[in-house]
Amino acid sequence: MDPRLYEACRTGNLAALRDLINQDMSILHEVVRGTGDTPLHVAARFGDPILAREVLQHRPDMAHAINLQGLSPMHLAVANRHLDAYRVLLDADHSNLCFLRDRDGRTPLHYAAMNGDFIALSLILSRSPRSAETLTDRGETVLLLCAKYHRFETLRDILRTPAFRNLTDLINQPDNNGNTVKKLVNVARRPELAEYLQQQDEDEKKHWIDFLKISRNATSVVAGLIATAAFNAGLSPPSRDKSDGQAAIVASRVHTAAFKVFVIANAMALMLSLSILVIDIVIVPFVPASFLELAKWTRRILWGSLAMLLVAFMSATRVVIPHTGAHSWLVWYIWSLGVLTVLLLLVLVCVMKIFYSGALPQENGARIPEENRDRIAQENGARIPEENRARIPPRPWAVVADVNVR
């Protein structure tokens, strides 16, 4: 890179930068030898928002440039706590910049978490809430990085902010080594934060229990309706009128395969719906500890009952509607609707499983290496045996988290 361009970007000399651009527009394509920094990288590294905005006006694509360390200008601005600089970058293209990853899979949001920069965290999350779902290559969440880098005050502020309430789902999410936020907080001997996390977990469980209680009432109502419909259908099986022009003969067609399928499916729908009512009325009041598990099972049984009711209805139409003549197409129309309904339900279930699989709170264990346990305890004032001190590794994040990237 031309030394004049580097000096202008480093010192924030806007007039010098404009003179260089007017002389040769291609000068903005130059990079720093050895680091691969673009002019925007240099401006972001030293935190000049006016210069960064000027570079973006001429080269907006430079916001996505990556240097030899795998860092974007956004990474450098956040790592060096330059608030105005990363505001300018977010205004340029917040939808994509928040998801840029370095060599370790860390986004600018992860750098903000490692620095304990609550302002940067708030700004990025407000612009791109989905960025909180991004994990590092080690499976670390933004909350887990706060705990690993001892940014406990920032972690507490995030969890207490109503706008970031959805991040509480990440509390129990482990990384690739099985570490969770709660376990790291306990190891670091922060009882007040551990108690707060435990209360958050209990509140989350209580919320889901209340939701499942309401859902349980709806499930019981639906099961009762299915049982009523199946019972009535069993007492009045399907039949159709055959007219020869002189008399009407009611034939039940019990010898057909469709009628046999109807009887079997209708009976299964009745039995499954009755089993749901038995679970809700008899079992749940006496086994409250298993409420969540029983609620899951009643939902699964309800799905089976609905499926059997649909099969019974489709079989009944096969019995009732004539197979030939002007109305024969109705049978295939109804069957097509039934198959389409089943396919749509399967797609809906798959989509819900993908997006909401981690909704219910779960307990996850953690496996923290002994040497890391000793290091964390030492940093919190605990006495470590002499034989254990030699194996304590240095903090691998010190350069990134606590020292400006130069």
Protein backbone atom coordinates (compact mmCIF):
# COMPACT_ATOMS: atom_id res chain seq x y z
CA MET A 1 0.00 0.00 0.00
CA ASP A 2 1.15 3.51 -0.76
CA PRO A 3 2.60 4.97 2.48
CA ARG A 4 0.65 8.19 1.91
CA LEU A 5 -2.63 6.24 1.74
CA TYR A 6 -1.81 4.24 4.86
CA GLU A 7 -0.88 7.37 6.79
CA ALA A 8 -4.05 9.16 5.69
CA CYS A 9 -6.20 6.21 6.83
CA ARG A 10 -4.29 5.82 10.08
CA THR A 11 -4.44 9.47 11.10
CA GLY A 12 -7.89 10.20 9.68
CA ASN A 13 -6.64 12.82 7.22
CA LEU A 14 -9.72 13.12 5.00
CA ALA A 15 -8.28 15.85 2.78
CA ALA A 16 -5.18 13.79 1.99
CA LEU A 17 -7.32 10.76 1.20
CA ARG A 18 -9.50 12.72 -1.22
CA ASP A 19 -6.43 14.14 -2.95
CA LEU A 20 -5.03 10.64 -3.45
CA ILE A 21 -8.37 9.37 -4.79
CA ASN A 22 -8.63 12.31 -7.20
CA GLN A 23 -5.13 11.61 -8.49
CA ASP A 24 -5.68 7.86 -8.95
CA MET A 25 -8.95 6.09 -8.14
CA SER A 26 -7.28 2.69 -8.33
CA ILE A 27 -5.24 3.49 -5.22
CA LEU A 28 -8.12 2.14 -3.12
CA HIS A 29 -7.38 -1.32 -4.50
CA GLU A 30 -4.01 -1.41 -2.73
CA VAL A 31 -3.52 -3.50 0.43
CA VAL A 32 -0.96 -3.52 3.23
CA ARG A 33 1.86 -5.95 2.55
CA GLY A 34 2.03 -8.74 5.12
CA THR A 35 -1.46 -8.26 6.56
CA GLY A 36 -3.66 -7.82 3.49
CA ASP A 37 -5.45 -4.85 5.08
CA THR A 38 -7.47 -2.67 2.72
CA PRO A 39 -7.84 1.09 3.34
CA LEU A 40 -11.14 0.32 5.08
CA HIS A 41 -9.38 -2.20 7.35
CA VAL A 42 -6.90 0.50 8.37
CA ALA A 43 -9.65 3.05 9.00
CA ALA A 44 -11.64 0.52 11.05
CA ARG A 45 -8.53 -0.58 12.97
CA PHE A 46 -7.80 2.97 14.06
CA GLY A 47 -11.45 3.92 14.45
CA ASP A 48 -12.03 6.82 12.07
CA PRO A 49 -15.73 6.81 11.07
CA ILE A 50 -15.50 9.76 8.65
CA LEU A 51 -12.67 8.16 6.71
CA ALA A 52 -14.47 4.80 6.71
CA ARG A 53 -17.60 6.43 5.29
CA GLU A 54 -15.53 8.13 2.57
CA VAL A 55 -13.93 4.83 1.53
CA LEU A 56 -17.31 3.09 1.46
CA GLN A 57 -18.72 5.76 -0.85
CA HIS A 58 -16.14 4.83 -3.46
CA ARG A 59 -15.78 1.11 -2.68
CA PRO A 60 -18.91 -0.26 -0.90
CA ASP A 61 -17.76 -3.81 -1.65
CA MET A 62 -14.73 -3.26 0.59
CA ALA A 63 -16.94 -3.76 3.67
CA HIS A 64 -16.85 -7.50 2.94
CA ALA A 65 -13.10 -7.68 2.30
CA ILE A 66 -11.09 -10.19 4.34
CA ASN A 67 -7.41 -9.71 5.23
CA LEU A 68 -4.78 -12.43 5.62
CA GLN A 69 -5.90 -13.07 9.20
CA GLY A 70 -9.44 -13.74 8.02
CA LEU A 71 -10.73 -10.51 9.57
CA SER A 72 -13.15 -8.05 8.02
CA PRO A 73 -13.20 -4.31 8.79
CA MET A 74 -16.19 -5.00 11.04
CA HIS A 75 -14.15 -7.49 13.08
CA LEU A 76 -11.39 -4.93 13.58
CA ALA A 77 -13.75 -2.10 14.53
CA VAL A 78 -15.52 -4.25 17.13
CA ALA A 79 -12.29 -5.81 18.46
CA ASN A 80 -10.83 -2.34 19.05
CA ARG A 81 -14.07 -0.97 20.55
CA HIS A 82 -14.48 1.77 17.93
CA LEU A 83 -18.19 2.47 18.32
CA ASP A 84 -18.54 5.10 15.60
CA ALA A 85 -16.60 2.99 13.09
CA TYR A 86 -18.77 -0.10 13.41
CA ARG A 87 -21.88 2.07 13.37
CA VAL A 88 -20.82 3.29 9.93
CA LEU A 89 -20.18 -0.26 8.77
CA LEU A 90 -23.53 -1.49 10.07
CA ASP A 91 -25.29 1.33 8.26
CA ALA A 92 -23.58 0.20 5.06
CA ASP A 93 -24.80 -3.41 5.12
CA HIS A 94 -25.82 -4.84 8.48
CA SER A 95 -27.61 -7.85 7.01
CA ASN A 96 -24.41 -9.52 5.79
CA LEU A 97 -21.59 -7.96 7.81
CA CYS A 98 -22.93 -9.43 11.05
CA PHE A 99 -22.46 -12.94 9.66
CA LEU A 100 -18.87 -12.61 8.37
CA ARG A 101 -16.66 -15.23 10.05
CA ASP A 102 -12.93 -15.29 10.74
CA ARG A 103 -10.70 -18.37 10.58
CA ASP A 104 -12.19 -19.70 13.83
CA GLY A 105 -15.75 -19.10 12.70
CA ARG A 106 -16.20 -16.04 14.93
CA THR A 107 -18.44 -13.19 13.84
CA PRO A 108 -18.20 -9.54 14.97
CA LEU A 109 -20.85 -10.37 17.58
CA HIS A 110 -18.54 -13.00 19.05
CA TYR A 111 -15.73 -10.43 19.25
CA ALA A 112 -18.07 -8.06 21.09
CA ALA A 113 -18.87 -10.86 23.54
CA MET A 114 -15.18 -11.64 24.10
CA ASN A 115 -14.52 -7.95 24.77
CA GLY A 116 -17.56 -7.61 27.03
CA ASP A 117 -18.70 -4.70 24.87
CA PHE A 118 -22.39 -4.43 25.75
CA ILE A 119 -22.92 -1.44 23.43
CA ALA A 120 -21.60 -3.38 20.43
CA LEU A 121 -23.65 -6.43 21.41
CA SER A 122 -26.81 -4.34 21.70
CA LEU A 123 -26.21 -2.57 18.42
CA ILE A 124 -25.47 -5.73 16.42
CA LEU A 125 -28.34 -7.70 17.95
CA SER A 126 -30.80 -4.87 17.34
CA ARG A 127 -29.77 -4.71 13.67
CA SER A 128 -29.49 -8.47 13.14
CA PRO A 129 -31.20 -10.61 15.83
CA ARG A 130 -30.52 -13.82 13.86
CA SER A 131 -26.77 -13.30 14.27
CA ALA A 132 -27.11 -14.56 17.86
CA GLU A 133 -27.81 -18.04 16.48
CA THR A 134 -24.39 -18.24 14.79
CA LEU A 135 -21.91 -20.58 16.46
CA THR A 136 -18.13 -20.58 16.24
CA ASP A 137 -16.25 -23.56 14.83
CA ARG A 138 -16.04 -24.83 18.42
CA GLY A 139 -19.81 -24.62 18.83
CA GLU A 140 -19.65 -21.57 21.12
CA THR A 141 -22.61 -19.23 21.48
CA VAL A 142 -22.37 -15.52 22.22
CA LEU A 143 -23.38 -16.15 25.85
CA LEU A 144 -20.83 -18.93 26.24
CA LEU A 145 -18.05 -16.65 24.99
CA CYS A 146 -19.03 -14.05 27.60
CA ALA A 147 -18.66 -16.71 30.28
CA LYS A 148 -15.39 -18.12 28.88
CA TYR A 149 -13.79 -14.69 28.73
CA HIS A 150 -15.04 -13.71 32.20
CA ARG A 151 -17.37 -10.99 30.92
CA PHE A 152 -19.90 -11.81 33.61
CA GLU A 153 -21.28 -8.29 34.00
CA THR A 154 -21.96 -8.14 30.28
CA LEU A 155 -23.59 -11.57 30.44
CA ARG A 156 -25.83 -10.41 33.26
CA ASP A 157 -26.79 -7.22 31.42
CA ILE A 158 -27.69 -9.16 28.28
CA LEU A 159 -29.91 -11.59 30.15
CA ARG A 160 -31.65 -8.78 32.04
CA THR A 161 -32.44 -6.78 28.91
CA PRO A 162 -36.05 -7.48 27.81
CA ALA A 163 -35.17 -6.97 24.13
CA PHE A 164 -32.75 -9.93 24.31
CA ARG A 165 -35.07 -12.28 26.18
CA ASN A 166 -34.84 -14.79 23.33
CA LEU A 167 -31.14 -15.33 24.12
CA THR A 168 -32.06 -17.20 27.30
CA ASP A 169 -32.59 -20.25 25.09
CA LEU A 170 -28.80 -20.33 24.62
CA ILE A 171 -28.00 -20.70 28.34
CA ASN A 172 -28.03 -24.49 28.28
CA GLN A 173 -26.58 -24.93 24.79
CA PRO A 174 -23.17 -26.67 25.04
CA ASP A 175 -20.12 -26.19 22.85
CA ASN A 176 -18.18 -29.03 21.22
CA ASN A 177 -16.55 -29.88 24.56
CA GLY A 178 -19.85 -29.92 26.44
CA ASN A 179 -19.31 -26.63 28.28
CA THR A 180 -22.39 -24.57 29.10
CA VAL A 181 -22.84 -21.06 30.49
CA LYS A 182 -24.15 -22.35 33.82
CA LYS A 183 -21.24 -24.72 34.33
CA LEU A 184 -18.60 -22.09 33.53
CA VAL A 185 -20.28 -19.62 35.87
CA ASN A 186 -20.24 -22.21 38.66
CA VAL A 187 -16.57 -23.03 38.06
CA ALA A 188 -15.70 -19.31 38.14
CA ARG A 189 -17.37 -19.09 41.57
CA ARG A 190 -19.96 -16.45 40.73
CA PRO A 191 -22.84 -17.56 42.98
CA GLU A 192 -25.00 -14.49 42.38
CA LEU A 193 -24.94 -15.01 38.61
CA ALA A 194 -25.37 -18.77 38.98
CA GLU A 195 -28.45 -18.15 41.12
CA TYR A 196 -29.81 -15.74 38.52
CA LEU A 197 -29.27 -18.27 35.72
CA GLN A 198 -30.99 -20.94 37.78
CA GLN A 199 -33.94 -18.62 38.33
CA GLN A 200 -34.05 -17.88 34.61
CA ASP A 201 -34.12 -21.60 33.89
CA GLU A 202 -36.92 -22.18 36.39
CA ASP A 203 -38.94 -19.28 34.97
CA GLU A 204 -38.50 -20.70 31.48
CA LYS A 205 -39.67 -24.12 32.60
CA LYS A 206 -42.65 -22.60 34.42
CA HIS A 207 -43.57 -20.71 31.27
CA TRP A 208 -43.56 -23.90 29.23
CA ILE A 209 -45.49 -25.81 31.88
CA ASP A 210 -48.19 -23.13 31.86
CA PHE A 211 -48.27 -23.26 28.09
CA LEU A 212 -48.54 -27.05 28.10
CA LYS A 213 -51.38 -26.91 30.63
CA ILE A 214 -53.36 -24.69 28.28
CA SER A 215 -52.42 -26.94 25.38
CA ARG A 216 -53.47 -29.97 27.42
CA ASN A 217 -57.00 -28.58 27.76
CA ALA A 218 -57.21 -28.08 24.00
CA THR A 219 -55.87 -31.60 23.43
CA SER A 220 -58.54 -33.05 25.70
CA VAL A 221 -61.29 -31.19 23.84
CA VAL A 222 -60.04 -32.41 20.45
CA ALA A 223 -59.70 -35.97 21.77
CA GLY A 224 -63.28 -35.83 23.06
CA LEU A 225 -64.57 -34.66 19.69
CA ILE A 226 -62.68 -37.43 17.89
CA ALA A 227 -64.06 -40.02 20.31
CA THR A 228 -67.61 -38.74 19.75
CA ALA A 229 -67.25 -38.80 15.96
CA ALA A 230 -65.68 -42.26 15.97
CA PHE A 231 -68.35 -43.62 18.33
CA ASN A 232 -71.20 -42.29 16.18
CA ALA A 233 -69.57 -43.62 13.02
CA GLY A 234 -69.22 -47.03 14.63
CA LEU A 235 -72.93 -47.13 15.47
CA SER A 236 -73.91 -45.87 12.01
CA PRO A 237 -71.45 -47.38 9.53
CA PRO A 238 -71.35 -45.96 5.99
CA SER A 239 -73.86 -47.21 3.42
CA ARG A 240 -75.23 -46.04 0.11
CA ASP A 241 -78.54 -46.35 -1.64
CA LYS A 242 -78.87 -48.51 -4.70
CA SER A 243 -81.87 -47.66 -6.83
CA ASP A 244 -83.07 -49.89 -9.65
CA GLY A 245 -85.97 -47.54 -10.45
CA GLN A 246 -88.49 -49.51 -8.36
CA ALA A 247 -87.10 -49.79 -4.81
CA ALA A 248 -84.26 -48.43 -2.67
CA ILE A 249 -82.04 -51.04 -1.15
CA VAL A 250 -79.59 -50.02 1.60
CA ALA A 251 -76.44 -52.06 1.36
CA SER A 252 -73.62 -51.73 3.87
CA ARG A 253 -71.07 -53.36 1.56
CA VAL A 254 -69.36 -55.08 4.48
CA HIS A 255 -67.61 -57.42 2.10
CA THR A 256 -65.48 -54.64 0.55
CA ALA A 257 -61.90 -53.84 1.58
CA ALA A 258 -62.80 -50.15 2.01
CA PHE A 259 -65.41 -51.00 4.66
CA LYS A 260 -62.95 -53.19 6.56
CA VAL A 261 -60.35 -50.40 6.51
CA PHE A 262 -63.01 -48.00 7.80
CA VAL A 263 -63.92 -50.24 10.73
CA ILE A 264 -60.28 -50.77 11.75
CA ALA A 265 -59.28 -47.09 11.40
CA ASN A 266 -62.41 -45.86 13.16
CA ALA A 267 -61.83 -48.25 16.07
CA MET A 268 -58.20 -47.13 16.39
CA ALA A 269 -59.23 -43.46 16.35
CA LEU A 270 -61.72 -44.15 19.14
CA MET A 271 -59.22 -46.09 21.27
CA LEU A 272 -56.42 -43.55 20.82
CA SER A 273 -58.64 -40.59 21.71
CA LEU A 274 -59.98 -42.43 24.76
CA SER A 275 -56.40 -43.16 25.87
CA ILE A 276 -55.66 -39.41 25.75
CA LEU A 277 -58.66 -38.73 27.98
CA VAL A 278 -57.54 -41.46 30.39
CA ILE A 279 -54.03 -39.95 30.61
CA ASP A 280 -55.35 -36.42 31.22
CA ILE A 281 -58.05 -37.39 33.71
CA VAL A 282 -56.53 -40.34 35.57
CA ILE A 283 -52.73 -40.37 35.23
CA VAL A 284 -51.62 -36.70 35.13
CA PRO A 285 -53.24 -35.66 38.47
CA PHE A 286 -51.44 -38.49 40.28
CA VAL A 287 -48.06 -38.20 38.52
CA PRO A 288 -47.41 -34.42 38.29
CA ALA A 289 -43.63 -34.89 38.10
CA SER A 290 -43.98 -36.52 34.68
CA PHE A 291 -46.25 -33.82 33.30
CA LEU A 292 -43.89 -32.69 30.53
CA GLU A 293 -43.25 -36.22 29.32
CA LEU A 294 -46.94 -37.12 29.46
CA ALA A 295 -47.81 -33.95 27.53
CA LYS A 296 -45.43 -35.01 24.76
CA TRP A 297 -46.99 -38.47 24.61
CA THR A 298 -50.56 -37.15 24.49
CA ARG A 299 -49.58 -34.94 21.56
CA ARG A 300 -48.13 -37.92 19.72
CA ILE A 301 -51.21 -40.03 20.42
CA LEU A 302 -53.42 -37.17 19.20
CA TRP A 303 -51.53 -37.11 15.91
CA GLY A 304 -52.17 -40.84 15.53
CA SER A 305 -55.84 -40.44 16.37
CA LEU A 306 -56.26 -37.68 13.80
CA ALA A 307 -54.51 -39.79 11.18
CA MET A 308 -56.82 -42.74 11.85
CA LEU A 309 -59.86 -40.45 11.66
CA LEU A 310 -58.70 -39.19 8.27
CA VAL A 311 -58.19 -42.77 7.01
CA ALA A 312 -61.65 -43.75 8.28
CA PHE A 313 -63.26 -40.80 6.50
CA MET A 314 -61.49 -41.53 3.22
CA SER A 315 -62.50 -45.20 3.42
CA ALA A 316 -66.10 -44.23 4.15
CA THR A 317 -66.23 -42.08 1.03
CA ARG A 318 -65.06 -45.09 -0.96
CA VAL A 319 -68.05 -47.03 0.39
CA VAL A 320 -70.70 -44.32 0.07
CA ILE A 321 -69.89 -42.60 -3.23
CA PRO A 322 -70.56 -44.62 -6.42
CA HIS A 323 -67.41 -45.82 -8.19
CA THR A 324 -68.86 -45.32 -11.65
CA GLY A 325 -71.01 -42.75 -13.33
CA ALA A 326 -71.11 -38.98 -13.09
CA HIS A 327 -69.94 -38.88 -9.44
CA SER A 328 -67.00 -41.29 -9.65
CA TRP A 329 -64.49 -38.44 -9.75
CA LEU A 330 -65.51 -37.37 -6.22
CA VAL A 331 -63.80 -40.40 -4.69
CA TRP A 332 -60.46 -39.59 -6.28
CA TYR A 333 -60.87 -35.89 -5.47
CA ILE A 334 -61.42 -36.61 -1.76
CA TRP A 335 -58.56 -39.09 -1.66
CA SER A 336 -56.25 -36.57 -3.32
CA LEU A 337 -57.20 -33.96 -0.74
CA GLY A 338 -56.48 -36.44 2.03
CA VAL A 339 -53.04 -37.31 0.69
CA LEU A 340 -52.23 -33.64 0.13
CA THR A 341 -53.29 -32.83 3.70
CA VAL A 342 -51.00 -35.52 5.08
CA LEU A 343 -48.05 -34.26 3.02
CA LEU A 344 -48.62 -30.67 4.13
CA LEU A 345 -48.78 -31.75 7.76
CA LEU A 346 -45.51 -33.67 7.40
CA VAL A 347 -43.82 -30.62 5.87
CA LEU A 348 -45.20 -28.43 8.67
CA VAL A 349 -43.90 -30.82 11.34
CA CYS A 350 -40.44 -30.88 9.73
CA VAL A 351 -40.30 -27.09 9.54
CA MET A 352 -41.40 -26.71 13.16
CA LYS A 353 -38.82 -29.27 14.26
CA ILE A 354 -36.04 -27.39 12.48
CA PHE A 355 -36.91 -23.94 13.86
CA TYR A 356 -38.23 -24.84 17.30
CA SER A 357 -36.35 -28.01 18.25
CA GLY A 358 -34.44 -26.20 20.98
CA ALA A 359 -37.41 -24.37 22.46
CA LEU A 360 -37.97 -26.53 25.55
CA PRO A 361 -35.31 -26.07 28.22
CA GLN A 362 -32.97 -28.99 28.64
CA GLU A 363 -30.18 -29.82 31.02
CA ASN A 364 -26.77 -30.40 29.49
CA GLY A 365 -23.67 -31.58 31.27
CA ALA A 366 -20.25 -30.01 30.83
CA ARG A 367 -16.78 -31.45 30.59
CA ILE A 368 -14.23 -28.81 31.55
CA PRO A 369 -10.57 -29.83 31.26
CA GLU A 370 -8.81 -29.94 34.63
CA GLU A 371 -6.13 -27.46 33.58
CA ASN A 372 -8.75 -24.92 32.50
CA ARG A 373 -10.58 -25.44 35.78
CA ASP A 374 -7.36 -24.62 37.67
CA ARG A 375 -6.73 -21.53 35.54
CA ILE A 376 -10.22 -20.14 36.09
CA ALA A 377 -10.03 -20.83 39.81
CA GLN A 378 -6.60 -19.13 40.00
CA GLU A 379 -7.88 -16.01 38.25
CA ASN A 380 -10.67 -15.79 40.80
CA GLY A 381 -8.30 -15.83 43.77
CA ALA A 382 -8.29 -19.51 44.69
CA ARG A 383 -5.11 -21.23 45.87
CA ILE A 384 -3.81 -23.83 43.41
CA PRO A 385 -1.45 -26.67 44.48
CA GLU A 386 2.12 -26.20 43.27
CA GLU A 387 2.05 -29.39 41.19
CA ASN A 388 -0.98 -28.12 39.25
CA ARG A 389 0.33 -24.65 38.39
CA ALA A 390 2.73 -25.85 35.69
CA ARG A 391 -0.06 -27.28 33.59
CA ILE A 392 -2.21 -24.12 33.63
CA PRO A 393 -2.24 -22.76 30.04
CA PRO A 394 -2.10 -19.03 29.27
CA ARG A 395 -5.25 -17.22 28.27
CA PRO A 396 -5.46 -17.81 24.50
CA TRP A 397 -7.73 -14.83 23.92
CA ALA A 398 -5.66 -12.10 25.58
CA VAL A 399 -4.41 -10.53 22.34
CA VAL A 400 -7.85 -10.38 20.76
CA ALA A 401 -9.96 -9.50 23.75
CA ASP A 402 -7.84 -7.15 25.81
CA VAL A 403 -5.29 -5.65 23.43
CA ASN A 404 -6.09 -3.56 20.38
CA VAL A 405 -5.52 -5.35 17.09
CA ARG A 406 -2.71 -3.50 15.33
